[in-house]
PDB file of N, CA and C in Angstrom:
ATOM      1  N   MET A   1     -18.828 -12.114   1.770  1.00  0.00           N
ATOM      2  CA  MET A   1     -18.571 -12.145   0.234  1.00  0.00           C
ATOM      3  C   MET A   1     -18.388 -10.625  -0.051  1.00  0.00           C
ATOM      4  N   PHE A   2     -17.121 -10.251  -0.883  1.00  0.00           N
ATOM      5  CA  PHE A   2     -16.942  -9.065  -1.239  1.00  0.00           C
ATOM      6  C   PHE A   2     -17.311  -9.037  -2.830  1.00  0.00           C
ATOM      7  N   ASN A   3     -17.833  -7.708  -2.981  1.00  0.00           N
ATOM      8  CA  ASN A   3     -18.118  -7.616  -4.476  1.00  0.00           C
ATOM      9  C   ASN A   3     -16.706  -6.941  -5.181  1.00  0.00           C
ATOM     10  N   ARG A   4     -16.656  -6.894  -6.341  1.00  0.00           N
ATOM     11  CA  ARG A   4     -15.492  -6.412  -7.016  1.00  0.00           C
ATOM     12  C   ARG A   4     -14.930  -5.147  -6.634  1.00  0.00           C
ATOM     13  N   LYS A   5     -15.953  -4.112  -6.400  1.00  0.00           N
ATOM     14  CA  LYS A   5     -15.465  -2.778  -6.093  1.00  0.00           C
ATOM     15  C   LYS A   5     -14.707  -2.813  -4.675  1.00  0.00           C
ATOM     16  N   ASN A   6     -15.180  -3.616  -3.744  1.00  0.00           N
ATOM     17  CA  ASN A   6     -14.535  -3.687  -2.429  1.00  0.00           C
ATOM     18  C   ASN A   6     -13.182  -4.407  -2.528  1.00  0.00           C
ATOM     19  N   GLN A   7     -13.172  -5.414  -3.412  1.00  0.00           N
ATOM     20  CA  GLN A   7     -11.799  -6.110  -3.661  1.00  0.00           C
ATOM     21  C   GLN A   7     -10.860  -5.073  -4.184  1.00  0.00           C
ATOM     22  N   ARG A   8     -11.322  -4.316  -5.073  1.00  0.00           N
ATOM     23  CA  ARG A   8     -10.396  -3.398  -5.730  1.00  0.00           C
ATOM     24  C   ARG A   8      -9.920  -2.286  -4.756  1.00  0.00           C
ATOM     25  N   LYS A   9     -10.896  -1.845  -3.893  1.00  0.00           N
ATOM     26  CA  LYS A   9     -10.573  -0.885  -2.957  1.00  0.00           C
ATOM     27  C   LYS A   9      -9.581  -1.545  -1.938  1.00  0.00           C
ATOM     28  N   ILE A  10      -9.838  -2.630  -1.393  1.00  0.00           N
ATOM     29  CA  ILE A  10      -8.821  -3.325  -0.416  1.00  0.00           C
ATOM     30  C   ILE A  10      -7.399  -3.441  -1.137  1.00  0.00           C
ATOM     31  N   ALA A  11      -7.423  -3.907  -2.496  1.00  0.00           N
ATOM     32  CA  ALA A  11      -6.145  -4.122  -2.970  1.00  0.00           C
ATOM     33  C   ALA A  11      -5.501  -2.873  -3.003  1.00  0.00           C
ATOM     34  N   ALA A  12      -6.120  -1.713  -3.448  1.00  0.00           N
ATOM     35  CA  ALA A  12      -5.463  -0.404  -3.404  1.00  0.00           C
ATOM     36  C   ALA A  12      -5.086  -0.031  -2.099  1.00  0.00           C
ATOM     37  N   VAL A  13      -5.647  -0.348  -0.955  1.00  0.00           N
ATOM     38  CA  VAL A  13      -5.085   0.127   0.409  1.00  0.00           C
ATOM     39  C   VAL A  13      -4.087  -0.655   0.673  1.00  0.00           C
ATOM     40  N   ILE A  14      -3.989  -1.896   0.273  1.00  0.00           N
ATOM     41  CA  ILE A  14      -2.690  -2.856   0.647  1.00  0.00           C
ATOM     42  C   ILE A  14      -1.763  -2.258  -0.041  1.00  0.00           C
ATOM     43  N   CYS A  15      -1.770  -2.129  -1.537  1.00  0.00           N
ATOM     44  CA  CYS A  15      -0.762  -1.490  -2.246  1.00  0.00           C
ATOM     45  C   CYS A  15      -0.046  -0.202  -1.717  1.00  0.00           C
ATOM     46  N   GLY A  16      -1.035   0.737  -1.249  1.00  0.00           N
ATOM     47  CA  GLY A  16      -0.614   1.995  -0.788  1.00  0.00           C
ATOM     48  C   GLY A  16       0.301   1.657   0.583  1.00  0.00           C
ATOM     49  N   ILE A  17      -0.383   0.869   1.379  1.00  0.00           N
ATOM     50  CA  ILE A  17       0.490   0.546   2.699  1.00  0.00           C
ATOM     51  C   ILE A  17       1.882  -0.040   2.341  1.00  0.00           C
ATOM     52  N   LEU A  18       2.011  -0.891   1.321  1.00  0.00           N
ATOM     53  CA  LEU A  18       3.212  -1.545   0.902  1.00  0.00           C
ATOM     54  C   LEU A  18       4.137  -0.472   0.369  1.00  0.00           C
ATOM     55  N   ILE A  19       3.649   0.325  -0.436  1.00  0.00           N
ATOM     56  CA  ILE A  19       4.506   1.418  -0.918  1.00  0.00           C
ATOM     57  C   ILE A  19       4.965   2.416   0.187  1.00  0.00           C
ATOM     58  N   LEU A  20       4.024   2.843   1.019  1.00  0.00           N
ATOM     59  CA  LEU A  20       4.408   3.719   2.191  1.00  0.00           C
ATOM     60  C   LEU A  20       5.480   3.021   3.051  1.00  0.00           C
ATOM     61  N   ALA A  21       5.468   1.610   3.315  1.00  0.00           N
ATOM     62  CA  ALA A  21       6.489   0.980   4.034  1.00  0.00           C
ATOM     63  C   ALA A  21       7.746   0.954   3.179  1.00  0.00           C
ATOM     64  N   MET A  22       7.746   0.909   1.930  1.00  0.00           N
ATOM     65  CA  MET A  22       9.085   0.844   1.311  1.00  0.00           C
ATOM     66  C   MET A  22       9.613   2.088   1.203  1.00  0.00           C
ATOM     67  N   ILE A  23       8.766   3.118   1.034  1.00  0.00           N
ATOM     68  CA  ILE A  23       9.304   4.661   1.136  1.00  0.00           C
ATOM     69  C   ILE A  23      10.029   4.886   2.580  1.00  0.00           C
ATOM     70  N   ALA A  24       9.162   4.411   3.537  1.00  0.00           N
ATOM     71  CA  ALA A  24       9.800   4.702   5.073  1.00  0.00           C
ATOM     72  C   ALA A  24      10.998   3.886   5.101  1.00  0.00           C
ATOM     73  N   SER A  25      11.279   2.727   4.535  1.00  0.00           N
ATOM     74  CA  SER A  25      12.440   2.164   4.862  1.00  0.00           C
ATOM     75  C   SER A  25      13.537   2.575   4.030  1.00  0.00           C
ATOM     76  N   LEU A  26      13.162   3.376   2.826  1.00  0.00           N
ATOM     77  CA  LEU A  26      14.186   3.983   1.946  1.00  0.00           C
ATOM     78  C   LEU A  26      14.616   5.229   2.516  1.00  0.00           C
ATOM     79  N   LEU A  27      13.814   6.086   3.254  1.00  0.00           N
ATOM     80  CA  LEU A  27      14.147   7.375   3.566  1.00  0.00           C
ATOM     81  C   LEU A  27      15.478   7.561   4.450  1.00  0.00           C
ATOM     82  N   PRO A  28      15.639   6.730   5.374  1.00  0.00           N
ATOM     83  CA  PRO A  28      16.919   6.842   6.147  1.00  0.00           C
ATOM     84  C   PRO A  28      18.200   6.815   5.138  1.00  0.00           C
ATOM     85  N   SER A  29      18.086   6.006   4.224  1.00  0.00           N
ATOM     86  CA  SER A  29      19.299   5.907   3.395  1.00  0.00           C
ATOM     87  C   SER A  29      19.454   7.190   2.644  1.00  0.00           C
ATOM     88  N   ILE A  30      18.232   7.826   2.221  1.00  0.00           N
ATOM     89  CA  ILE A  30      18.495   8.979   1.460  1.00  0.00           C
ATOM     90  C   ILE A  30      18.904  10.295   2.183  1.00  0.00           C
ATOM     91  N   PHE A  31      18.316  10.468   3.427  1.00  0.00           N
ATOM     92  CA  PHE A  31      18.691  11.596   4.330  1.00  0.00           C
ATOM     93  C   PHE A  31      19.911  11.225   5.102  1.00  0.00           C
TER      94      PHE A  31
END
């Protein structure tokens, strides 16, 4: 069972990974 703080932390990590993946996929088209 996760408490709400852990859920929020996990959600933030997942969002950060998704954003990094999007930036990584966009970088080749920028440079």
